[in-house]
């Protein structure tokens, strides 16, 4: 493909509308031919990406982000990106619902409606809640989190709120954003999310796992519980009493080349994980492991039953006070690498 065509896409952030393509001297027959052979991808009617660029986007966040950008590029009326679409633009690690919709908030729209995969929201907002991210007008982080909570419910809302707090937004900003919604539908979801939100969750899995552990009724779990013997330091995902709850996923055992996060051989990862658990249990703590499948449907009920059995076994063996661990507990926020 001619370099001027590739440069045109780069000039427009890897998305090119039909009108923009024509302004760069690309003809309609060329556009149609490149779409037909797969050199271009019709991301949204009249909005294109290079096939090689589109193929390189991950399906979890990359493609949803560019689908939202394509929908925005195709719209002629004033709008702001909001909800999950704003969250993706902000770079938040979110739990995306199915089916995935593009969300925009538009002044003057009566009610909410969904057309061609885009949900248009009528929702007042303050001027100071509008920010520019990557050259696009979006609602700010606090408003985005409460919008997701009200729209999608407790789980996705908690994931978003945790991510926003983790990004440095103060909890009071979430409260302020929610105050304007006091008479809006589903606002109680927002209040619950703000109450439960915790910046200690490092990813959506830890947010959702904390919600599962909270359902045991054992009190509020502590996130990022750290222990050291003076030589080694270990951080645990969740703690209740003397029991540790760890989120366990396949990604940490899978090499980066295969889509995982392991930078050493899987057997080495497994060996280090075993040594880590031995270190934790050496402080007379019990350990439970939670996998992604435990969070859904009937498996969630079985997981709660198992986790309660394991917790009660720990209490029977070691009690629930950690007063004796005081010299070994790490203080302050976790220093992430």
C-alpha atoms as a PDB file:
ATOM      1  CA  UNK A   1       0.000   0.000   0.000  1.00  0.00           C
ATOM      2  CA  UNK A   2       1.294   3.458  -0.882  1.00  0.00           C
ATOM      3  CA  UNK A   3       3.040   5.216   2.044  1.00  0.00           C
ATOM      4  CA  UNK A   4       0.735   8.230   1.691  1.00  0.00           C
ATOM      5  CA  UNK A   5      -2.212   5.976   2.594  1.00  0.00           C
ATOM      6  CA  UNK A   6      -0.475   4.596   5.682  1.00  0.00           C
ATOM      7  CA  UNK A   7       0.519   8.142   6.649  1.00  0.00           C
ATOM      8  CA  UNK A   8      -3.105   9.275   6.307  1.00  0.00           C
ATOM      9  CA  UNK A   9      -4.190   6.696   8.892  1.00  0.00           C
ATOM     10  CA  UNK A  10      -1.354   7.685  11.229  1.00  0.00           C
ATOM     11  CA  UNK A  11      -2.384  11.338  10.905  1.00  0.00           C
ATOM     12  CA  UNK A  12      -5.917  10.463  12.056  1.00  0.00           C
ATOM     13  CA  UNK A  13      -4.988   8.154  14.969  1.00  0.00           C
ATOM     14  CA  UNK A  14      -5.331   4.942  12.922  1.00  0.00           C
ATOM     15  CA  UNK A  15      -8.964   5.570  11.954  1.00  0.00           C
ATOM     16  CA  UNK A  16     -10.018   7.175   8.692  1.00  0.00           C
ATOM     17  CA  UNK A  17     -13.515   8.237   7.731  1.00  0.00           C
ATOM     18  CA  UNK A  18     -14.595   7.989   4.134  1.00  0.00           C
ATOM     19  CA  UNK A  19     -14.650  11.775   3.886  1.00  0.00           C
ATOM     20  CA  UNK A  20     -11.128  12.019   5.300  1.00  0.00           C
ATOM     21  CA  UNK A  21      -9.897   9.366   2.883  1.00  0.00           C
ATOM     22  CA  UNK A  22     -11.270  11.283  -0.065  1.00  0.00           C
ATOM     23  CA  UNK A  23      -9.624  14.471   1.215  1.00  0.00           C
ATOM     24  CA  UNK A  24      -6.278  12.646   1.116  1.00  0.00           C
ATOM     25  CA  UNK A  25      -6.777  11.798  -2.551  1.00  0.00           C
ATOM     26  CA  UNK A  26      -7.877   8.205  -2.030  1.00  0.00           C
ATOM     27  CA  UNK A  27     -10.599   7.257  -4.490  1.00  0.00           C
ATOM     28  CA  UNK A  28     -13.850   5.403  -3.832  1.00  0.00           C
ATOM     29  CA  UNK A  29     -12.808   2.404  -6.002  1.00  0.00           C
ATOM     30  CA  UNK A  30      -9.564   2.149  -4.007  1.00  0.00           C
ATOM     31  CA  UNK A  31     -11.454   2.208  -0.715  1.00  0.00           C
ATOM     32  CA  UNK A  32     -13.897  -0.472  -1.861  1.00  0.00           C
ATOM     33  CA  UNK A  33     -11.130  -2.686  -3.226  1.00  0.00           C
ATOM     34  CA  UNK A  34      -8.987  -2.467  -0.082  1.00  0.00           C
ATOM     35  CA  UNK A  35     -11.975  -3.294   2.120  1.00  0.00           C
ATOM     36  CA  UNK A  36     -12.875  -6.220  -0.144  1.00  0.00           C
ATOM     37  CA  UNK A  37      -9.398  -7.786   0.010  1.00  0.00           C
ATOM     38  CA  UNK A  38      -8.982  -7.118   3.745  1.00  0.00           C
ATOM     39  CA  UNK A  39      -6.274  -4.452   3.603  1.00  0.00           C
ATOM     40  CA  UNK A  40      -8.782  -2.116   5.233  1.00  0.00           C
ATOM     41  CA  UNK A  41     -11.331  -3.048   7.905  1.00  0.00           C
ATOM     42  CA  UNK A  42     -14.731  -1.348   7.969  1.00  0.00           C
ATOM     43  CA  UNK A  43     -14.781  -0.788  11.744  1.00  0.00           C
ATOM     44  CA  UNK A  44     -18.033   1.091  11.477  1.00  0.00           C
ATOM     45  CA  UNK A  45     -19.884   2.066   8.357  1.00  0.00           C
ATOM     46  CA  UNK A  46     -17.739   4.695   6.684  1.00  0.00           C
ATOM     47  CA  UNK A  47     -14.913   4.484   9.275  1.00  0.00           C
ATOM     48  CA  UNK A  48     -11.877   2.348   8.466  1.00  0.00           C
ATOM     49  CA  UNK A  49      -8.689   0.948  10.012  1.00  0.00           C
ATOM     50  CA  UNK A  50      -5.778  -0.766   8.349  1.00  0.00           C
ATOM     51  CA  UNK A  51      -6.239  -4.538   8.507  1.00  0.00           C
ATOM     52  CA  UNK A  52      -2.802  -5.113  10.016  1.00  0.00           C
ATOM     53  CA  UNK A  53      -3.510  -2.544  12.739  1.00  0.00           C
ATOM     54  CA  UNK A  54      -6.921  -4.012  13.575  1.00  0.00           C
ATOM     55  CA  UNK A  55      -5.534  -7.559  13.712  1.00  0.00           C
ATOM     56  CA  UNK A  56      -2.961  -6.398  16.256  1.00  0.00           C
ATOM     57  CA  UNK A  57      -5.538  -5.020  18.709  1.00  0.00           C
ATOM     58  CA  UNK A  58      -6.480  -7.236  21.646  1.00  0.00           C
ATOM     59  CA  UNK A  59     -10.144  -8.168  21.815  1.00  0.00           C
ATOM     60  CA  UNK A  60     -10.574  -7.314  25.492  1.00  0.00           C
ATOM     61  CA  UNK A  61      -9.738  -3.596  25.399  1.00  0.00           C
ATOM     62  CA  UNK A  62      -8.125  -2.573  22.093  1.00  0.00           C
ATOM     63  CA  UNK A  63     -10.986  -3.351  19.758  1.00  0.00           C
ATOM     64  CA  UNK A  64     -13.737  -2.022  22.084  1.00  0.00           C
ATOM     65  CA  UNK A  65     -11.746   1.220  22.382  1.00  0.00           C
ATOM     66  CA  UNK A  66     -11.443   1.660  18.631  1.00  0.00           C
ATOM     67  CA  UNK A  67     -15.068   0.670  18.053  1.00  0.00           C
ATOM     68  CA  UNK A  68     -16.016   3.515  20.396  1.00  0.00           C
ATOM     69  CA  UNK A  69     -13.650   5.910  18.627  1.00  0.00           C
ATOM     70  CA  UNK A  70     -15.068   4.886  15.248  1.00  0.00           C
ATOM     71  CA  UNK A  71     -18.633   5.484  16.445  1.00  0.00           C
ATOM     72  CA  UNK A  72     -17.603   8.908  17.732  1.00  0.00           C
ATOM     73  CA  UNK A  73     -15.917   9.755  14.426  1.00  0.00           C
ATOM     74  CA  UNK A  74     -19.100   8.846  12.551  1.00  0.00           C
ATOM     75  CA  UNK A  75     -21.348  11.050  14.708  1.00  0.00           C
ATOM     76  CA  UNK A  76     -22.166  14.547  13.535  1.00  0.00           C
ATOM     77  CA  UNK A  77     -24.004  15.806  16.627  1.00  0.00           C
ATOM     78  CA  UNK A  78     -22.184  17.079  19.740  1.00  0.00           C
ATOM     79  CA  UNK A  79     -21.493  14.349  22.285  1.00  0.00           C
ATOM     80  CA  UNK A  80     -19.182  13.174  25.040  1.00  0.00           C
ATOM     81  CA  UNK A  81     -17.816   9.669  25.477  1.00  0.00           C
ATOM     82  CA  UNK A  82     -19.174   8.242  28.729  1.00  0.00           C
ATOM     83  CA  UNK A  83     -19.605   5.066  30.774  1.00  0.00           C
ATOM     84  CA  UNK A  84     -17.391   2.185  29.567  1.00  0.00           C
ATOM     85  CA  UNK A  85     -16.410   4.091  26.425  1.00  0.00           C
ATOM     86  CA  UNK A  86     -14.991   6.897  28.551  1.00  0.00           C
ATOM     87  CA  UNK A  87     -13.377   4.362  30.879  1.00  0.00           C
ATOM     88  CA  UNK A  88     -11.519   2.749  27.989  1.00  0.00           C
ATOM     89  CA  UNK A  89     -10.325   6.161  26.812  1.00  0.00           C
ATOM     90  CA  UNK A  90      -9.080   6.875  30.333  1.00  0.00           C
ATOM     91  CA  UNK A  91      -7.170   3.587  30.254  1.00  0.00           C
ATOM     92  CA  UNK A  92      -9.118   1.956  33.086  1.00  0.00           C
ATOM     93  CA  UNK A  93      -9.042  -1.820  33.484  1.00  0.00           C
ATOM     94  CA  UNK A  94     -12.767  -2.607  33.303  1.00  0.00           C
ATOM     95  CA  UNK A  95     -15.181  -5.509  33.333  1.00  0.00           C
ATOM     96  CA  UNK A  96     -16.944  -5.042  29.993  1.00  0.00           C
ATOM     97  CA  UNK A  97     -20.526  -6.285  29.664  1.00  0.00           C
ATOM     98  CA  UNK A  98     -21.900  -8.392  26.839  1.00  0.00           C
ATOM     99  CA  UNK A  99     -23.088  -7.273  24.404  1.00  0.00           C
ATOM    100  CA  UNK A 100     -20.685  -4.361  24.307  1.00  0.00           C
ATOM    101  CA  UNK A 101     -22.220  -1.008  23.467  1.00  0.00           C
ATOM    102  CA  UNK A 102     -20.631   2.338  22.736  1.00  0.00           C
ATOM    103  CA  UNK A 103     -21.843   4.935  25.263  1.00  0.00           C
ATOM    104  CA  UNK A 104     -22.193   8.639  24.604  1.00  0.00           C
ATOM    105  CA  UNK A 105     -23.819  11.386  26.642  1.00  0.00           C
ATOM    106  CA  UNK A 106     -25.483  14.113  24.625  1.00  0.00           C
ATOM    107  CA  UNK A 107     -26.995  17.387  25.769  1.00  0.00           C
ATOM    108  CA  UNK A 108     -30.620  17.769  24.799  1.00  0.00           C
ATOM    109  CA  UNK A 109     -31.309  14.081  24.195  1.00  0.00           C
ATOM    110  CA  UNK A 110     -34.668  13.065  25.651  1.00  0.00           C
ATOM    111  CA  UNK A 111     -34.228   9.822  27.578  1.00  0.00           C
ATOM    112  CA  UNK A 112     -31.827   7.077  26.659  1.00  0.00           C
ATOM    113  CA  UNK A 113     -31.957   5.090  23.469  1.00  0.00           C
ATOM    114  CA  UNK A 114     -29.787   2.583  21.654  1.00  0.00           C
ATOM    115  CA  UNK A 115     -29.215   2.776  17.910  1.00  0.00           C
ATOM    116  CA  UNK A 116     -26.772   0.717  15.850  1.00  0.00           C
ATOM    117  CA  UNK A 117     -24.761  -0.381  18.868  1.00  0.00           C
ATOM    118  CA  UNK A 118     -24.537   3.101  20.406  1.00  0.00           C
ATOM    119  CA  UNK A 119     -26.399   4.019  23.590  1.00  0.00           C
ATOM    120  CA  UNK A 120     -27.247   7.718  23.768  1.00  0.00           C
ATOM    121  CA  UNK A 121     -27.737   9.011  27.321  1.00  0.00           C
ATOM    122  CA  UNK A 122     -29.559  12.063  28.527  1.00  0.00           C
ATOM    123  CA  UNK A 123     -27.837  12.928  31.762  1.00  0.00           C
ATOM    124  CA  UNK A 124     -26.923  16.384  33.063  1.00  0.00           C
ATOM    125  CA  UNK A 125     -23.274  17.000  33.826  1.00  0.00           C
ATOM    126  CA  UNK A 126     -21.231  19.888  35.148  1.00  0.00           C
ATOM    127  CA  UNK A 127     -18.770  21.642  32.824  1.00  0.00           C
ATOM    128  CA  UNK A 128     -15.883  20.734  35.107  1.00  0.00           C
ATOM    129  CA  UNK A 129     -16.717  17.038  34.639  1.00  0.00           C
ATOM    130  CA  UNK A 130     -15.712  17.267  30.973  1.00  0.00           C
ATOM    131  CA  UNK A 131     -12.060  16.520  30.258  1.00  0.00           C
ATOM    132  CA  UNK A 132     -10.005  15.912  27.157  1.00  0.00           C
ATOM    133  CA  UNK A 133      -8.212  12.575  26.872  1.00  0.00           C
ATOM    134  CA  UNK A 134      -6.238  11.621  23.770  1.00  0.00           C
ATOM    135  CA  UNK A 135      -7.824  14.552  21.975  1.00  0.00           C
ATOM    136  CA  UNK A 136     -11.378  13.417  22.755  1.00  0.00           C
ATOM    137  CA  UNK A 137     -13.961  14.981  25.057  1.00  0.00           C
ATOM    138  CA  UNK A 138     -14.979  12.515  27.765  1.00  0.00           C
ATOM    139  CA  UNK A 139     -16.545  12.611  31.203  1.00  0.00           C
ATOM    140  CA  UNK A 140     -13.987  12.555  34.005  1.00  0.00           C
ATOM    141  CA  UNK A 141     -12.890   9.536  36.010  1.00  0.00           C
ATOM    142  CA  UNK A 142     -15.224   9.982  38.984  1.00  0.00           C
ATOM    143  CA  UNK A 143     -18.304  10.544  36.832  1.00  0.00           C
ATOM    144  CA  UNK A 144     -17.317   7.601  34.611  1.00  0.00           C
ATOM    145  CA  UNK A 145     -17.139   5.229  37.585  1.00  0.00           C
ATOM    146  CA  UNK A 146     -20.530   6.220  38.993  1.00  0.00           C
ATOM    147  CA  UNK A 147     -22.106   6.090  35.521  1.00  0.00           C
ATOM    148  CA  UNK A 148     -20.874   2.517  35.078  1.00  0.00           C
ATOM    149  CA  UNK A 149     -22.151   1.541  38.526  1.00  0.00           C
ATOM    150  CA  UNK A 150     -25.604   2.955  37.857  1.00  0.00           C
ATOM    151  CA  UNK A 151     -25.794   1.445  34.382  1.00  0.00           C
ATOM    152  CA  UNK A 152     -24.253  -2.007  34.919  1.00  0.00           C
ATOM    153  CA  UNK A 153     -24.608  -2.826  38.605  1.00  0.00           C
ATOM    154  CA  UNK A 154     -22.457  -3.722  41.569  1.00  0.00           C
ATOM    155  CA  UNK A 155     -19.765  -5.917  39.983  1.00  0.00           C
ATOM    156  CA  UNK A 156     -18.786  -3.792  36.971  1.00  0.00           C
ATOM    157  CA  UNK A 157     -19.287  -0.651  39.060  1.00  0.00           C
ATOM    158  CA  UNK A 158     -16.957  -1.889  41.793  1.00  0.00           C
ATOM    159  CA  UNK A 159     -14.286  -2.776  39.223  1.00  0.00           C
ATOM    160  CA  UNK A 160     -14.524   0.752  37.784  1.00  0.00           C
ATOM    161  CA  UNK A 161     -14.532   2.483  41.180  1.00  0.00           C
ATOM    162  CA  UNK A 162     -11.541   0.461  42.396  1.00  0.00           C
ATOM    163  CA  UNK A 163      -9.656   1.397  39.219  1.00  0.00           C
ATOM    164  CA  UNK A 164     -10.488   5.080  39.646  1.00  0.00           C
ATOM    165  CA  UNK A 165      -9.343   5.122  43.281  1.00  0.00           C
ATOM    166  CA  UNK A 166      -6.221   3.246  42.212  1.00  0.00           C
ATOM    167  CA  UNK A 167      -5.588   6.005  39.672  1.00  0.00           C
ATOM    168  CA  UNK A 168      -5.459   8.537  42.496  1.00  0.00           C
ATOM    169  CA  UNK A 169      -8.991   9.959  42.502  1.00  0.00           C
ATOM    170  CA  UNK A 170     -10.226  10.694  46.033  1.00  0.00           C
ATOM    171  CA  UNK A 171     -13.330   8.897  47.277  1.00  0.00           C
ATOM    172  CA  UNK A 172     -15.017  12.240  47.979  1.00  0.00           C
ATOM    173  CA  UNK A 173     -14.981  12.897  44.227  1.00  0.00           C
ATOM    174  CA  UNK A 174     -17.111   9.788  43.711  1.00  0.00           C
ATOM    175  CA  UNK A 175     -19.455  10.984  46.444  1.00  0.00           C
ATOM    176  CA  UNK A 176     -19.741  14.408  44.808  1.00  0.00           C
ATOM    177  CA  UNK A 177     -20.498  12.855  41.416  1.00  0.00           C
ATOM    178  CA  UNK A 178     -23.191  10.674  42.982  1.00  0.00           C
ATOM    179  CA  UNK A 179     -24.872  13.523  44.897  1.00  0.00           C
ATOM    180  CA  UNK A 180     -26.283  14.942  41.669  1.00  0.00           C
ATOM    181  CA  UNK A 181     -27.937  11.553  41.000  1.00  0.00           C
ATOM    182  CA  UNK A 182     -29.919  11.327  44.230  1.00  0.00           C
ATOM    183  CA  UNK A 183     -33.250  10.904  42.398  1.00  0.00           C
ATOM    184  CA  UNK A 184     -31.955   8.998  39.365  1.00  0.00           C
ATOM    185  CA  UNK A 185     -32.844   5.334  38.735  1.00  0.00           C
ATOM    186  CA  UNK A 186     -30.516   2.753  40.334  1.00  0.00           C
ATOM    187  CA  UNK A 187     -28.605   5.360  42.360  1.00  0.00           C
ATOM    188  CA  UNK A 188     -28.520   2.939  45.326  1.00  0.00           C
ATOM    189  CA  UNK A 189     -26.090   0.825  43.265  1.00  0.00           C
ATOM    190  CA  UNK A 190     -23.787   3.811  43.124  1.00  0.00           C
ATOM    191  CA  UNK A 191     -23.853   4.335  46.884  1.00  0.00           C
ATOM    192  CA  UNK A 192     -23.099   0.665  47.518  1.00  0.00           C
ATOM    193  CA  UNK A 193     -20.177   0.759  45.091  1.00  0.00           C
ATOM    194  CA  UNK A 194     -18.670   3.873  46.682  1.00  0.00           C
ATOM    195  CA  UNK A 195     -18.924   2.278  50.119  1.00  0.00           C
ATOM    196  CA  UNK A 196     -17.253  -0.969  48.993  1.00  0.00           C
ATOM    197  CA  UNK A 197     -14.601   0.513  46.679  1.00  0.00           C
ATOM    198  CA  UNK A 198     -10.958  -0.134  47.602  1.00  0.00           C
ATOM    199  CA  UNK A 199      -7.843   1.014  45.707  1.00  0.00           C
ATOM    200  CA  UNK A 200      -5.973  -2.055  46.969  1.00  0.00           C
ATOM    201  CA  UNK A 201      -7.493  -4.207  44.228  1.00  0.00           C
ATOM    202  CA  UNK A 202      -4.919  -4.405  41.451  1.00  0.00           C
ATOM    203  CA  UNK A 203      -7.238  -5.634  38.675  1.00  0.00           C
ATOM    204  CA  UNK A 204     -10.866  -6.613  37.946  1.00  0.00           C
ATOM    205  CA  UNK A 205     -10.273 -10.172  39.188  1.00  0.00           C
ATOM    206  CA  UNK A 206      -9.236  -8.914  42.622  1.00  0.00           C
ATOM    207  CA  UNK A 207     -12.233  -6.559  42.737  1.00  0.00           C
ATOM    208  CA  UNK A 208     -14.670  -9.336  41.879  1.00  0.00           C
ATOM    209  CA  UNK A 209     -12.938 -11.785  44.222  1.00  0.00           C
ATOM    210  CA  UNK A 210     -13.247  -9.299  47.081  1.00  0.00           C
ATOM    211  CA  UNK A 211     -16.957  -9.013  46.385  1.00  0.00           C
ATOM    212  CA  UNK A 212     -17.255 -12.816  46.610  1.00  0.00           C
ATOM    213  CA  UNK A 213     -15.350 -12.944  49.919  1.00  0.00           C
ATOM    214  CA  UNK A 214     -17.475 -10.087  51.302  1.00  0.00           C
ATOM    215  CA  UNK A 215     -20.565 -12.218  50.677  1.00  0.00           C
ATOM    216  CA  UNK A 216     -19.343 -14.630  53.377  1.00  0.00           C
ATOM    217  CA  UNK A 217     -20.396 -12.050  55.962  1.00  0.00           C
ATOM    218  CA  UNK A 218     -17.059 -12.134  57.795  1.00  0.00           C
ATOM    219  CA  UNK A 219     -16.444  -8.392  57.728  1.00  0.00           C
ATOM    220  CA  UNK A 220     -14.569  -6.199  55.301  1.00  0.00           C
ATOM    221  CA  UNK A 221     -11.558  -7.998  53.789  1.00  0.00           C
ATOM    222  CA  UNK A 222      -8.201  -6.253  53.980  1.00  0.00           C
ATOM    223  CA  UNK A 223      -6.532  -5.790  50.603  1.00  0.00           C
ATOM    224  CA  UNK A 224      -2.770  -6.076  50.056  1.00  0.00           C
ATOM    225  CA  UNK A 225      -1.837  -7.663  53.375  1.00  0.00           C
ATOM    226  CA  UNK A 226       1.968  -7.733  53.576  1.00  0.00           C
ATOM    227  CA  UNK A 227       4.284  -9.942  55.619  1.00  0.00           C
ATOM    228  CA  UNK A 228       8.065 -10.053  55.987  1.00  0.00           C
ATOM    229  CA  UNK A 229      10.591 -12.035  58.003  1.00  0.00           C
ATOM    230  CA  UNK A 230      13.286  -9.442  57.361  1.00  0.00           C
ATOM    231  CA  UNK A 231      14.596 -11.270  54.296  1.00  0.00           C
ATOM    232  CA  UNK A 232      11.526 -11.889  52.193  1.00  0.00           C
ATOM    233  CA  UNK A 233       8.364  -9.846  51.719  1.00  0.00           C
ATOM    234  CA  UNK A 234       5.049 -11.218  50.450  1.00  0.00           C
ATOM    235  CA  UNK A 235       1.824  -9.384  49.668  1.00  0.00           C
ATOM    236  CA  UNK A 236      -1.489 -11.238  49.818  1.00  0.00           C
ATOM    237  CA  UNK A 237      -4.614 -10.275  47.885  1.00  0.00           C
ATOM    238  CA  UNK A 238      -7.142 -10.438  50.747  1.00  0.00           C
ATOM    239  CA  UNK A 239      -7.167 -11.189  54.463  1.00  0.00           C
ATOM    240  CA  UNK A 240      -9.963 -11.891  56.943  1.00  0.00           C
ATOM    241  CA  UNK A 241      -8.725 -12.815  60.406  1.00  0.00           C
ATOM    242  CA  UNK A 242      -5.918 -15.350  59.942  1.00  0.00           C
ATOM    243  CA  UNK A 243      -7.164 -16.489  56.567  1.00  0.00           C
ATOM    244  CA  UNK A 244      -5.760 -15.385  53.204  1.00  0.00           C
ATOM    245  CA  UNK A 245      -7.740 -15.367  49.940  1.00  0.00           C
ATOM    246  CA  UNK A 246      -5.647 -15.425  46.758  1.00  0.00           C
ATOM    247  CA  UNK A 247      -6.837 -14.843  43.184  1.00  0.00           C
ATOM    248  CA  UNK A 248      -5.321 -17.567  41.030  1.00  0.00           C
ATOM    249  CA  UNK A 249      -5.324 -17.291  37.243  1.00  0.00           C
ATOM    250  CA  UNK A 250      -3.700 -19.201  34.408  1.00  0.00           C
ATOM    251  CA  UNK A 251      -2.126 -16.046  32.986  1.00  0.00           C
ATOM    252  CA  UNK A 252       0.662 -16.008  35.550  1.00  0.00           C
ATOM    253  CA  UNK A 253       1.733 -19.487  34.460  1.00  0.00           C
ATOM    254  CA  UNK A 254       1.497 -18.735  30.716  1.00  0.00           C
ATOM    255  CA  UNK A 255       4.508 -17.203  28.890  1.00  0.00           C
ATOM    256  CA  UNK A 256       4.148 -13.665  27.551  1.00  0.00           C
ATOM    257  CA  UNK A 257       4.546 -14.975  23.994  1.00  0.00           C
ATOM    258  CA  UNK A 258       1.340 -16.978  24.484  1.00  0.00           C
ATOM    259  CA  UNK A 259      -0.674 -14.103  25.948  1.00  0.00           C
ATOM    260  CA  UNK A 260       0.259 -14.607  29.590  1.00  0.00           C
ATOM    261  CA  UNK A 261       2.389 -12.625  32.027  1.00  0.00           C
ATOM    262  CA  UNK A 262       5.072 -15.187  32.935  1.00  0.00           C
ATOM    263  CA  UNK A 263       8.616 -14.018  32.167  1.00  0.00           C
ATOM    264  CA  UNK A 264      10.151 -17.271  33.420  1.00  0.00           C
ATOM    265  CA  UNK A 265       9.368 -20.917  32.673  1.00  0.00           C
ATOM    266  CA  UNK A 266       5.935 -22.093  33.935  1.00  0.00           C
ATOM    267  CA  UNK A 267       7.485 -24.763  36.140  1.00  0.00           C
ATOM    268  CA  UNK A 268       9.612 -22.075  37.771  1.00  0.00           C
ATOM    269  CA  UNK A 269       6.523 -19.926  38.354  1.00  0.00           C
ATOM    270  CA  UNK A 270       4.793 -22.915  39.966  1.00  0.00           C
ATOM    271  CA  UNK A 271       7.793 -23.651  42.201  1.00  0.00           C
ATOM    272  CA  UNK A 272       8.026 -20.032  43.358  1.00  0.00           C
ATOM    273  CA  UNK A 273       4.278 -20.013  44.024  1.00  0.00           C
ATOM    274  CA  UNK A 274       4.645 -23.115  46.199  1.00  0.00           C
ATOM    275  CA  UNK A 275       7.484 -21.498  48.163  1.00  0.00           C
ATOM    276  CA  UNK A 276       5.380 -18.360  48.554  1.00  0.00           C
ATOM    277  CA  UNK A 277       2.451 -20.298  50.003  1.00  0.00           C
ATOM    278  CA  UNK A 278       4.759 -22.198  52.366  1.00  0.00           C
ATOM    279  CA  UNK A 279       6.068 -18.817  53.564  1.00  0.00           C
ATOM    280  CA  UNK A 280       2.539 -17.545  54.245  1.00  0.00           C
ATOM    281  CA  UNK A 281       1.412 -20.725  55.984  1.00  0.00           C
ATOM    282  CA  UNK A 282       4.546 -20.575  58.136  1.00  0.00           C
ATOM    283  CA  UNK A 283       2.901 -17.675  59.986  1.00  0.00           C
ATOM    284  CA  UNK A 284      -0.002 -20.003  60.905  1.00  0.00           C
ATOM    285  CA  UNK A 285      -2.341 -18.560  58.314  1.00  0.00           C
ATOM    286  CA  UNK A 286      -4.830 -20.465  56.193  1.00  0.00           C
ATOM    287  CA  UNK A 287      -4.971 -19.922  52.421  1.00  0.00           C
ATOM    288  CA  UNK A 288      -7.853 -20.237  49.941  1.00  0.00           C
ATOM    289  CA  UNK A 289      -7.552 -19.868  46.195  1.00  0.00           C
ATOM    290  CA  UNK A 290     -10.191 -18.336  43.962  1.00  0.00           C
ATOM    291  CA  UNK A 291     -10.289 -18.828  40.195  1.00  0.00           C
ATOM    292  CA  UNK A 292     -12.240 -16.788  37.655  1.00  0.00           C
ATOM    293  CA  UNK A 293     -14.813 -19.553  37.150  1.00  0.00           C
ATOM    294  CA  UNK A 294     -15.704 -19.357  40.873  1.00  0.00           C
ATOM    295  CA  UNK A 295     -17.291 -15.951  40.316  1.00  0.00           C
ATOM    296  CA  UNK A 296     -20.212 -16.982  38.131  1.00  0.00           C
ATOM    297  CA  UNK A 297     -23.510 -18.846  38.363  1.00  0.00           C
ATOM    298  CA  UNK A 298     -23.827 -22.031  40.378  1.00  0.00           C
ATOM    299  CA  UNK A 299     -20.037 -22.145  40.791  1.00  0.00           C
ATOM    300  CA  UNK A 300     -20.283 -18.976  42.896  1.00  0.00           C
ATOM    301  CA  UNK A 301     -22.546 -20.740  45.391  1.00  0.00           C
ATOM    302  CA  UNK A 302     -20.172 -23.700  45.616  1.00  0.00           C
ATOM    303  CA  UNK A 303     -17.197 -21.346  45.984  1.00  0.00           C
ATOM    304  CA  UNK A 304     -18.821 -19.530  48.921  1.00  0.00           C
ATOM    305  CA  UNK A 305     -19.474 -22.873  50.631  1.00  0.00           C
ATOM    306  CA  UNK A 306     -15.864 -24.000  50.099  1.00  0.00           C
ATOM    307  CA  UNK A 307     -14.347 -20.697  51.210  1.00  0.00           C
ATOM    308  CA  UNK A 308     -16.409 -20.702  54.401  1.00  0.00           C
ATOM    309  CA  UNK A 309     -15.308 -24.256  55.214  1.00  0.00           C
ATOM    310  CA  UNK A 310     -11.676 -23.314  54.692  1.00  0.00           C
ATOM    311  CA  UNK A 311     -12.002 -20.140  56.746  1.00  0.00           C
ATOM    312  CA  UNK A 312     -13.663 -21.975  59.646  1.00  0.00           C
ATOM    313  CA  UNK A 313     -10.928 -24.611  59.557  1.00  0.00           C
ATOM    314  CA  UNK A 314      -8.332 -21.851  59.918  1.00  0.00           C
ATOM    315  CA  UNK A 315     -10.223 -20.363  62.870  1.00  0.00           C
ATOM    316  CA  UNK A 316     -10.416 -23.790  64.520  1.00  0.00           C
ATOM    317  CA  UNK A 317      -6.662 -24.285  64.163  1.00  0.00           C
ATOM    318  CA  UNK A 318      -5.253 -20.800  64.739  1.00  0.00           C
ATOM    319  CA  UNK A 319      -8.054 -18.510  65.942  1.00  0.00           C
ATOM    320  CA  UNK A 320      -8.741 -15.199  64.201  1.00  0.00           C
ATOM    321  CA  UNK A 321      -6.443 -12.694  65.939  1.00  0.00           C
ATOM    322  CA  UNK A 322      -3.258 -11.573  64.210  1.00  0.00           C
ATOM    323  CA  UNK A 323      -1.820  -9.780  67.250  1.00  0.00           C
ATOM    324  CA  UNK A 324       1.168 -12.156  67.271  1.00  0.00           C
ATOM    325  CA  UNK A 325       2.019 -11.150  63.677  1.00  0.00           C
ATOM    326  CA  UNK A 326       2.502  -7.491  64.560  1.00  0.00           C
ATOM    327  CA  UNK A 327       6.346  -7.574  64.184  1.00  0.00           C
ATOM    328  CA  UNK A 328       6.056  -9.124  60.705  1.00  0.00           C
ATOM    329  CA  UNK A 329       3.320  -6.990  59.119  1.00  0.00           C
ATOM    330  CA  UNK A 330       4.395  -4.593  56.370  1.00  0.00           C
ATOM    331  CA  UNK A 331       3.075  -1.068  56.818  1.00  0.00           C
ATOM    332  CA  UNK A 332       2.183   1.518  54.219  1.00  0.00           C
ATOM    333  CA  UNK A 333       1.131   1.043  50.612  1.00  0.00           C
ATOM    334  CA  UNK A 334       2.544  -1.767  48.558  1.00  0.00           C
ATOM    335  CA  UNK A 335       5.467  -0.734  46.367  1.00  0.00           C
ATOM    336  CA  UNK A 336       4.518  -2.116  42.996  1.00  0.00           C
ATOM    337  CA  UNK A 337       7.141  -2.987  40.441  1.00  0.00           C
END
